[in-house]
Amino acid sequence: MARELIIAWTGRRKADPWEALCTDYRRRIERDLPVRDLALRPRTARPPARRVKEESQAVRKRLPKPCWLVALDSAGKRMTSNGLAEWLGRRLDGWPHPIAFVVGSDVGLDPELVRAARTRLSLGPLTLAHRLARLVLYEQLFRALSIRSGIKYHRQPLST
């Protein structure tokens, strides 16, 4: 399996501003690295506990094996943009298989999937709408790759 980034998420693809923004960042990322957007149909007619289990099973079935599984989780590792660039660079330099980022639906991610992930990544302590989390993830991945390749996109803060 070739090295690529996979963004797995649960939701319906709609022609709207959210999708347009994600598509823009995906195209930017694809200049450096293949990226696959893996949309999974939500199981909305189910009770939340059952739904989150079924969505987790659907994610696991669709992801290639092996892959480096990253679960987006507010209790996960917090990184700066430079830290994410370093972390992603180490994976790209040393892991020849896909790196899959999983964004939960509006009911979140199954705790078993989160425990099975090799990395738990936090976008911050706030709860984000799953569509917003997906967009933030795309932007941060583009930012990390631009830091890594020296593209003038990321700017260091003037003061700390």
N, C-alpha and C. Protein backbone atom coordinates (compact mmCIF):
# COMPACT_ATOMS: atom_id res chain seq x y z
N MET A 1 0.84 -1.18 0.00
CA MET A 1 0.00 0.00 0.00
C MET A 1 0.89 1.24 0.00
N ALA A 2 0.59 2.15 -0.84
CA ALA A 2 1.39 3.37 -0.96
C ALA A 2 1.14 4.30 0.22
N ARG A 3 2.09 5.15 0.47
CA ARG A 3 1.94 6.14 1.52
C ARG A 3 0.92 7.18 1.07
N GLU A 4 -0.06 7.43 1.93
CA GLU A 4 -1.07 8.45 1.67
C GLU A 4 -1.68 8.86 2.99
N LEU A 5 -2.36 9.98 2.98
CA LEU A 5 -3.16 10.40 4.12
C LEU A 5 -4.60 10.03 3.82
N ILE A 6 -5.30 9.55 4.82
CA ILE A 6 -6.72 9.24 4.69
C ILE A 6 -7.46 10.02 5.76
N ILE A 7 -8.50 10.72 5.35
CA ILE A 7 -9.36 11.42 6.31
C ILE A 7 -10.69 10.68 6.28
N ALA A 8 -10.95 9.89 7.33
CA ALA A 8 -12.19 9.12 7.44
C ALA A 8 -13.15 9.88 8.34
N TRP A 9 -14.36 10.04 7.86
CA TRP A 9 -15.35 10.80 8.62
C TRP A 9 -16.74 10.26 8.32
N THR A 10 -17.63 10.49 9.23
CA THR A 10 -19.00 10.04 9.08
C THR A 10 -19.88 11.24 8.80
N GLY A 11 -20.58 11.18 7.70
CA GLY A 11 -21.47 12.28 7.33
C GLY A 11 -21.83 12.19 5.87
N ARG A 12 -22.72 13.06 5.47
CA ARG A 12 -23.14 13.10 4.09
C ARG A 12 -22.40 14.22 3.36
N ARG A 13 -21.85 13.88 2.23
CA ARG A 13 -21.15 14.88 1.41
C ARG A 13 -22.20 15.79 0.78
N LYS A 14 -22.06 17.08 1.00
CA LYS A 14 -23.00 18.06 0.45
C LYS A 14 -22.22 19.13 -0.30
N ALA A 15 -22.81 19.66 -1.33
CA ALA A 15 -22.19 20.78 -2.03
C ALA A 15 -22.50 22.04 -1.22
N ASP A 16 -21.63 22.36 -0.29
CA ASP A 16 -21.84 23.52 0.57
C ASP A 16 -20.48 24.15 0.88
N PRO A 17 -20.47 25.28 1.57
CA PRO A 17 -19.17 25.94 1.86
C PRO A 17 -18.20 25.06 2.65
N TRP A 18 -18.68 24.21 3.55
CA TRP A 18 -17.78 23.33 4.31
C TRP A 18 -17.04 22.40 3.36
N GLU A 19 -17.80 21.78 2.45
CA GLU A 19 -17.19 20.84 1.51
C GLU A 19 -16.21 21.56 0.58
N ALA A 20 -16.57 22.77 0.15
CA ALA A 20 -15.69 23.53 -0.73
C ALA A 20 -14.36 23.85 -0.04
N LEU A 21 -14.42 24.22 1.23
CA LEU A 21 -13.19 24.53 1.97
C LEU A 21 -12.33 23.27 2.17
N CYS A 22 -12.96 22.16 2.51
CA CYS A 22 -12.21 20.90 2.66
C CYS A 22 -11.57 20.50 1.34
N THR A 23 -12.32 20.66 0.25
CA THR A 23 -11.78 20.32 -1.07
C THR A 23 -10.58 21.19 -1.41
N ASP A 24 -10.65 22.47 -1.07
CA ASP A 24 -9.53 23.38 -1.33
C ASP A 24 -8.28 22.90 -0.60
N TYR A 25 -8.38 22.59 0.69
CA TYR A 25 -7.20 22.12 1.43
C TYR A 25 -6.74 20.76 0.94
N ARG A 26 -7.68 19.88 0.59
CA ARG A 26 -7.30 18.56 0.07
C ARG A 26 -6.47 18.72 -1.20
N ARG A 27 -6.88 19.60 -2.08
CA ARG A 27 -6.12 19.83 -3.33
C ARG A 27 -4.74 20.41 -3.04
N ARG A 28 -4.64 21.26 -2.05
CA ARG A 28 -3.33 21.81 -1.68
C ARG A 28 -2.41 20.69 -1.16
N ILE A 29 -2.96 19.83 -0.31
CA ILE A 29 -2.18 18.73 0.25
C ILE A 29 -1.73 17.79 -0.86
N GLU A 30 -2.61 17.53 -1.82
CA GLU A 30 -2.30 16.58 -2.90
C GLU A 30 -1.12 17.02 -3.76
N ARG A 31 -0.71 18.26 -3.68
CA ARG A 31 0.50 18.70 -4.39
C ARG A 31 1.74 17.99 -3.85
N ASP A 32 1.69 17.62 -2.56
CA ASP A 32 2.83 16.97 -1.90
C ASP A 32 2.62 15.49 -1.64
N LEU A 33 1.38 15.10 -1.43
CA LEU A 33 1.12 13.77 -0.91
C LEU A 33 -0.30 13.35 -1.28
N PRO A 34 -0.50 12.10 -1.69
CA PRO A 34 -1.86 11.65 -1.96
C PRO A 34 -2.71 11.72 -0.69
N VAL A 35 -3.93 12.17 -0.84
CA VAL A 35 -4.86 12.23 0.29
C VAL A 35 -6.21 11.73 -0.19
N ARG A 36 -6.80 10.87 0.63
CA ARG A 36 -8.10 10.29 0.28
C ARG A 36 -9.12 10.71 1.33
N ASP A 37 -10.22 11.22 0.86
CA ASP A 37 -11.33 11.60 1.73
C ASP A 37 -12.30 10.42 1.76
N LEU A 38 -12.45 9.81 2.91
CA LEU A 38 -13.26 8.61 3.05
C LEU A 38 -14.50 8.94 3.85
N ALA A 39 -15.60 9.17 3.14
CA ALA A 39 -16.87 9.50 3.79
C ALA A 39 -17.65 8.23 4.06
N LEU A 40 -18.17 8.11 5.26
CA LEU A 40 -18.95 6.95 5.67
C LEU A 40 -20.36 7.40 6.02
N ARG A 41 -21.32 6.65 5.57
CA ARG A 41 -22.72 7.00 5.81
C ARG A 41 -23.06 6.88 7.30
N PRO A 42 -23.66 7.94 7.87
CA PRO A 42 -24.06 7.85 9.28
C PRO A 42 -25.21 6.86 9.47
N ARG A 43 -25.26 6.27 10.63
CA ARG A 43 -26.31 5.31 10.98
C ARG A 43 -27.36 6.02 11.84
N THR A 44 -28.01 7.03 11.30
CA THR A 44 -28.87 7.93 12.08
C THR A 44 -30.12 7.28 12.66
N ALA A 45 -30.59 6.18 12.12
CA ALA A 45 -31.82 5.56 12.62
C ALA A 45 -31.55 4.68 13.85
N ARG A 46 -30.35 4.67 14.35
CA ARG A 46 -29.98 3.80 15.47
C ARG A 46 -29.87 4.61 16.76
N PRO A 47 -30.02 3.95 17.90
CA PRO A 47 -29.72 4.64 19.18
C PRO A 47 -28.24 5.01 19.20
N PRO A 48 -27.86 6.11 19.85
CA PRO A 48 -26.47 6.58 19.81
C PRO A 48 -25.41 5.53 20.16
N ALA A 49 -25.63 4.73 21.20
CA ALA A 49 -24.61 3.73 21.59
C ALA A 49 -24.39 2.70 20.48
N ARG A 50 -25.46 2.26 19.89
CA ARG A 50 -25.36 1.29 18.79
C ARG A 50 -24.78 1.96 17.55
N ARG A 51 -25.21 3.17 17.32
CA ARG A 51 -24.75 3.92 16.14
C ARG A 51 -23.23 4.10 16.16
N VAL A 52 -22.68 4.50 17.30
CA VAL A 52 -21.25 4.75 17.37
C VAL A 52 -20.46 3.45 17.14
N LYS A 53 -20.98 2.32 17.62
CA LYS A 53 -20.33 1.02 17.39
C LYS A 53 -20.35 0.68 15.90
N GLU A 54 -21.50 0.83 15.25
CA GLU A 54 -21.62 0.49 13.83
C GLU A 54 -20.77 1.41 12.96
N GLU A 55 -20.72 2.69 13.31
CA GLU A 55 -19.87 3.61 12.55
C GLU A 55 -18.40 3.24 12.70
N SER A 56 -18.00 2.83 13.89
CA SER A 56 -16.63 2.39 14.14
C SER A 56 -16.30 1.16 13.32
N GLN A 57 -17.21 0.19 13.28
CA GLN A 57 -17.00 -1.02 12.48
C GLN A 57 -16.87 -0.68 11.00
N ALA A 58 -17.69 0.27 10.52
CA ALA A 58 -17.62 0.67 9.11
C ALA A 58 -16.28 1.32 8.79
N VAL A 59 -15.77 2.14 9.71
CA VAL A 59 -14.46 2.77 9.52
C VAL A 59 -13.38 1.70 9.43
N ARG A 60 -13.37 0.79 10.37
CA ARG A 60 -12.33 -0.25 10.39
C ARG A 60 -12.35 -1.12 9.14
N LYS A 61 -13.55 -1.42 8.62
CA LYS A 61 -13.65 -2.23 7.40
C LYS A 61 -13.05 -1.51 6.20
N ARG A 62 -13.20 -0.20 6.14
CA ARG A 62 -12.80 0.55 4.95
C ARG A 62 -11.35 1.01 4.98
N LEU A 63 -10.71 0.98 6.13
CA LEU A 63 -9.32 1.43 6.20
C LEU A 63 -8.38 0.32 5.74
N PRO A 64 -7.33 0.68 5.02
CA PRO A 64 -6.35 -0.32 4.58
C PRO A 64 -5.58 -0.87 5.78
N LYS A 65 -5.07 -2.05 5.59
CA LYS A 65 -4.23 -2.68 6.62
C LYS A 65 -2.89 -2.98 5.99
N PRO A 66 -1.81 -2.55 6.56
CA PRO A 66 -1.74 -1.76 7.78
C PRO A 66 -1.95 -0.27 7.50
N CYS A 67 -2.32 0.45 8.52
CA CYS A 67 -2.32 1.91 8.46
C CYS A 67 -2.04 2.43 9.86
N TRP A 68 -1.56 3.64 9.92
CA TRP A 68 -1.31 4.29 11.21
C TRP A 68 -2.60 5.00 11.56
N LEU A 69 -3.33 4.47 12.54
CA LEU A 69 -4.63 5.00 12.89
C LEU A 69 -4.50 6.13 13.90
N VAL A 70 -5.07 7.28 13.54
CA VAL A 70 -5.08 8.46 14.40
C VAL A 70 -6.53 8.81 14.68
N ALA A 71 -6.92 8.76 15.94
CA ALA A 71 -8.28 9.12 16.33
C ALA A 71 -8.29 10.55 16.84
N LEU A 72 -9.18 11.36 16.30
CA LEU A 72 -9.34 12.70 16.84
C LEU A 72 -10.14 12.58 18.13
N ASP A 73 -9.55 13.06 19.22
CA ASP A 73 -10.13 12.88 20.54
C ASP A 73 -9.72 14.07 21.40
N SER A 74 -10.69 14.73 22.01
CA SER A 74 -10.37 15.92 22.80
C SER A 74 -9.43 15.60 23.97
N ALA A 75 -9.38 14.34 24.40
CA ALA A 75 -8.46 13.94 25.48
C ALA A 75 -7.12 13.46 24.93
N GLY A 76 -6.92 13.54 23.62
CA GLY A 76 -5.69 13.08 23.01
C GLY A 76 -4.53 14.05 23.18
N LYS A 77 -3.46 13.76 22.47
CA LYS A 77 -2.24 14.57 22.52
C LYS A 77 -2.49 15.93 21.87
N ARG A 78 -2.11 16.95 22.56
CA ARG A 78 -2.20 18.31 22.01
C ARG A 78 -0.85 18.68 21.44
N MET A 79 -0.87 19.23 20.24
CA MET A 79 0.37 19.62 19.57
C MET A 79 0.24 21.03 19.03
N THR A 80 1.37 21.69 18.94
CA THR A 80 1.41 22.94 18.19
C THR A 80 1.45 22.59 16.70
N SER A 81 1.32 23.57 15.86
CA SER A 81 1.43 23.31 14.43
C SER A 81 2.82 22.80 14.09
N ASN A 82 3.85 23.37 14.71
CA ASN A 82 5.21 22.87 14.48
C ASN A 82 5.37 21.45 15.01
N GLY A 83 4.76 21.16 16.14
CA GLY A 83 4.81 19.81 16.69
C GLY A 83 4.12 18.80 15.77
N LEU A 84 2.98 19.19 15.20
CA LEU A 84 2.30 18.31 14.26
C LEU A 84 3.15 18.10 13.02
N ALA A 85 3.83 19.16 12.55
CA ALA A 85 4.71 19.03 11.39
C ALA A 85 5.83 18.03 11.68
N GLU A 86 6.42 18.11 12.88
CA GLU A 86 7.49 17.17 13.25
C GLU A 86 6.94 15.75 13.35
N TRP A 87 5.79 15.59 14.02
CA TRP A 87 5.18 14.26 14.18
C TRP A 87 4.85 13.66 12.81
N LEU A 88 4.21 14.43 11.95
CA LEU A 88 3.85 13.94 10.63
C LEU A 88 5.09 13.63 9.80
N GLY A 89 6.11 14.46 9.91
CA GLY A 89 7.36 14.21 9.19
C GLY A 89 8.00 12.89 9.59
N ARG A 90 7.99 12.60 10.90
CA ARG A 90 8.55 11.31 11.36
C ARG A 90 7.74 10.14 10.80
N ARG A 91 6.44 10.26 10.77
CA ARG A 91 5.61 9.18 10.19
C ARG A 91 5.90 9.04 8.70
N LEU A 92 5.96 10.14 7.98
CA LEU A 92 6.19 10.08 6.54
C LEU A 92 7.58 9.54 6.21
N ASP A 93 8.56 9.84 7.05
CA ASP A 93 9.92 9.37 6.80
C ASP A 93 10.11 7.91 7.22
N GLY A 94 9.33 7.44 8.21
CA GLY A 94 9.60 6.12 8.74
C GLY A 94 8.48 5.10 8.60
N TRP A 95 7.34 5.49 8.11
CA TRP A 95 6.18 4.59 8.01
C TRP A 95 5.74 4.56 6.55
N PRO A 96 5.91 3.46 5.85
CA PRO A 96 5.63 3.42 4.41
C PRO A 96 4.16 3.17 4.03
N HIS A 97 3.28 3.15 5.02
CA HIS A 97 1.87 2.83 4.77
C HIS A 97 0.99 4.05 5.02
N PRO A 98 -0.29 3.96 4.70
CA PRO A 98 -1.19 5.10 4.92
C PRO A 98 -1.28 5.53 6.38
N ILE A 99 -1.54 6.80 6.55
CA ILE A 99 -1.83 7.38 7.86
C ILE A 99 -3.28 7.82 7.81
N ALA A 100 -4.11 7.23 8.66
CA ALA A 100 -5.55 7.46 8.61
C ALA A 100 -6.00 8.25 9.84
N PHE A 101 -6.59 9.40 9.60
CA PHE A 101 -7.16 10.24 10.64
C PHE A 101 -8.66 10.00 10.65
N VAL A 102 -9.21 9.70 11.83
CA VAL A 102 -10.63 9.40 11.93
C VAL A 102 -11.32 10.49 12.75
N VAL A 103 -12.31 11.12 12.11
CA VAL A 103 -13.13 12.15 12.74
C VAL A 103 -14.47 11.52 13.08
N GLY A 104 -14.89 11.63 14.32
CA GLY A 104 -16.17 11.06 14.74
C GLY A 104 -17.35 11.83 14.18
N SER A 105 -18.49 11.18 14.21
CA SER A 105 -19.74 11.83 13.79
C SER A 105 -20.23 12.72 14.92
N ASP A 106 -21.46 13.17 14.80
CA ASP A 106 -22.03 14.02 15.86
C ASP A 106 -22.22 13.28 17.18
N VAL A 107 -22.12 11.95 17.18
CA VAL A 107 -22.16 11.18 18.44
C VAL A 107 -20.77 10.74 18.86
N GLY A 108 -19.74 11.18 18.16
CA GLY A 108 -18.37 10.91 18.56
C GLY A 108 -17.80 9.63 17.98
N LEU A 109 -16.73 9.16 18.61
CA LEU A 109 -16.05 7.93 18.21
C LEU A 109 -16.25 6.87 19.28
N ASP A 110 -16.31 5.64 18.85
CA ASP A 110 -16.42 4.51 19.76
C ASP A 110 -15.15 4.45 20.62
N PRO A 111 -15.29 4.35 21.95
CA PRO A 111 -14.10 4.27 22.81
C PRO A 111 -13.14 3.13 22.42
N GLU A 112 -13.67 2.03 21.89
CA GLU A 112 -12.79 0.93 21.46
C GLU A 112 -11.91 1.35 20.28
N LEU A 113 -12.47 2.12 19.36
CA LEU A 113 -11.69 2.61 18.23
C LEU A 113 -10.62 3.58 18.73
N VAL A 114 -10.99 4.45 19.66
CA VAL A 114 -10.02 5.40 20.21
C VAL A 114 -8.88 4.65 20.90
N ARG A 115 -9.20 3.62 21.67
CA ARG A 115 -8.15 2.83 22.35
C ARG A 115 -7.27 2.09 21.35
N ALA A 116 -7.85 1.67 20.22
CA ALA A 116 -7.09 0.92 19.22
C ALA A 116 -6.18 1.82 18.38
N ALA A 117 -6.42 3.12 18.41
CA ALA A 117 -5.62 4.04 17.61
C ALA A 117 -4.18 4.08 18.11
N ARG A 118 -3.25 4.19 17.17
CA ARG A 118 -1.83 4.32 17.56
C ARG A 118 -1.55 5.70 18.11
N THR A 119 -2.34 6.68 17.66
CA THR A 119 -2.19 8.05 18.13
C THR A 119 -3.58 8.62 18.38
N ARG A 120 -3.71 9.33 19.48
CA ARG A 120 -4.92 10.09 19.77
C ARG A 120 -4.53 11.56 19.69
N LEU A 121 -5.17 12.28 18.79
CA LEU A 121 -4.83 13.67 18.52
C LEU A 121 -5.97 14.58 18.95
N SER A 122 -5.63 15.60 19.73
CA SER A 122 -6.63 16.58 20.16
C SER A 122 -6.48 17.85 19.33
N LEU A 123 -7.60 18.38 18.89
CA LEU A 123 -7.61 19.69 18.24
C LEU A 123 -7.88 20.78 19.27
N GLY A 124 -7.94 20.40 20.53
CA GLY A 124 -8.18 21.34 21.62
C GLY A 124 -9.25 20.81 22.55
N PRO A 125 -9.42 21.46 23.68
CA PRO A 125 -10.37 20.97 24.67
C PRO A 125 -11.84 21.26 24.34
N LEU A 126 -12.07 22.14 23.41
CA LEU A 126 -13.45 22.48 23.05
C LEU A 126 -14.07 21.36 22.23
N THR A 127 -15.37 21.21 22.36
CA THR A 127 -16.10 20.29 21.49
C THR A 127 -16.35 21.00 20.18
N LEU A 128 -15.96 20.38 19.07
CA LEU A 128 -16.16 20.96 17.75
C LEU A 128 -17.21 20.15 17.00
N ALA A 129 -18.01 20.84 16.21
CA ALA A 129 -18.90 20.13 15.29
C ALA A 129 -18.04 19.26 14.40
N HIS A 130 -18.51 18.07 14.08
CA HIS A 130 -17.67 17.14 13.31
C HIS A 130 -17.28 17.70 11.95
N ARG A 131 -18.13 18.50 11.34
CA ARG A 131 -17.77 19.10 10.05
C ARG A 131 -16.67 20.15 10.23
N LEU A 132 -16.72 20.88 11.31
CA LEU A 132 -15.68 21.86 11.61
C LEU A 132 -14.37 21.16 11.97
N ALA A 133 -14.45 20.08 12.73
CA ALA A 133 -13.23 19.33 13.09
C ALA A 133 -12.53 18.83 11.83
N ARG A 134 -13.31 18.34 10.88
CA ARG A 134 -12.73 17.85 9.62
C ARG A 134 -12.00 18.98 8.88
N LEU A 135 -12.61 20.14 8.81
CA LEU A 135 -11.99 21.29 8.15
C LEU A 135 -10.71 21.71 8.88
N VAL A 136 -10.76 21.79 10.20
CA VAL A 136 -9.58 22.17 10.98
C VAL A 136 -8.46 21.16 10.76
N LEU A 137 -8.81 19.87 10.73
CA LEU A 137 -7.81 18.84 10.48
C LEU A 137 -7.15 19.04 9.12
N TYR A 138 -7.95 19.25 8.08
CA TYR A 138 -7.37 19.48 6.74
C TYR A 138 -6.43 20.68 6.76
N GLU A 139 -6.87 21.77 7.37
CA GLU A 139 -6.03 22.97 7.39
C GLU A 139 -4.74 22.71 8.14
N GLN A 140 -4.80 22.02 9.27
CA GLN A 140 -3.60 21.76 10.05
C GLN A 140 -2.66 20.79 9.35
N LEU A 141 -3.21 19.83 8.62
CA LEU A 141 -2.34 18.93 7.84
C LEU A 141 -1.64 19.70 6.72
N PHE A 142 -2.37 20.60 6.06
CA PHE A 142 -1.72 21.42 5.04
C PHE A 142 -0.65 22.30 5.67
N ARG A 143 -0.97 22.89 6.82
CA ARG A 143 0.00 23.74 7.52
C ARG A 143 1.24 22.93 7.89
N ALA A 144 1.05 21.72 8.42
CA ALA A 144 2.18 20.86 8.81
C ALA A 144 3.05 20.55 7.60
N LEU A 145 2.42 20.20 6.48
CA LEU A 145 3.21 19.89 5.27
C LEU A 145 3.91 21.13 4.73
N SER A 146 3.28 22.31 4.86
CA SER A 146 3.94 23.53 4.39
C SER A 146 5.13 23.89 5.28
N ILE A 147 5.00 23.67 6.58
CA ILE A 147 6.14 23.89 7.49
C ILE A 147 7.27 22.95 7.11
N ARG A 148 6.93 21.71 6.89
CA ARG A 148 7.93 20.69 6.56
C ARG A 148 8.66 21.00 5.25
N SER A 149 7.92 21.51 4.26
CA SER A 149 8.54 21.76 2.95
C SER A 149 9.03 23.20 2.78
N GLY A 150 8.82 24.04 3.78
CA GLY A 150 9.32 25.41 3.71
C GLY A 150 8.44 26.37 2.93
N ILE A 151 7.22 25.97 2.61
CA ILE A 151 6.28 26.89 1.93
C ILE A 151 5.90 27.99 2.91
N LYS A 152 5.84 29.22 2.44
CA LYS A 152 5.54 30.35 3.32
C LYS A 152 4.03 30.48 3.52
N TYR A 153 3.50 29.60 4.35
CA TYR A 153 2.09 29.64 4.72
C TYR A 153 1.97 29.89 6.22
N HIS A 154 2.75 29.17 7.00
CA HIS A 154 2.73 29.28 8.46
C HIS A 154 3.63 30.43 8.89
N ARG A 155 3.14 31.20 9.82
CA ARG A 155 3.95 32.29 10.38
C ARG A 155 4.10 32.06 11.88
N GLN A 156 5.29 32.30 12.38
CA GLN A 156 5.53 32.20 13.81
C GLN A 156 4.90 33.41 14.50
N PRO A 157 4.36 33.24 15.71
CA PRO A 157 3.79 34.39 16.42
C PRO A 157 4.87 35.42 16.70
N LEU A 158 4.47 36.70 16.76
CA LEU A 158 5.43 37.77 17.02
C LEU A 158 5.96 37.69 18.44
N SER A 159 5.11 37.29 19.39
CA SER A 159 5.57 37.15 20.77
C SER A 159 4.81 36.00 21.42
N THR A 160 5.41 35.50 22.50
CA THR A 160 4.75 34.41 23.23
C THR A 160 4.44 34.82 24.64
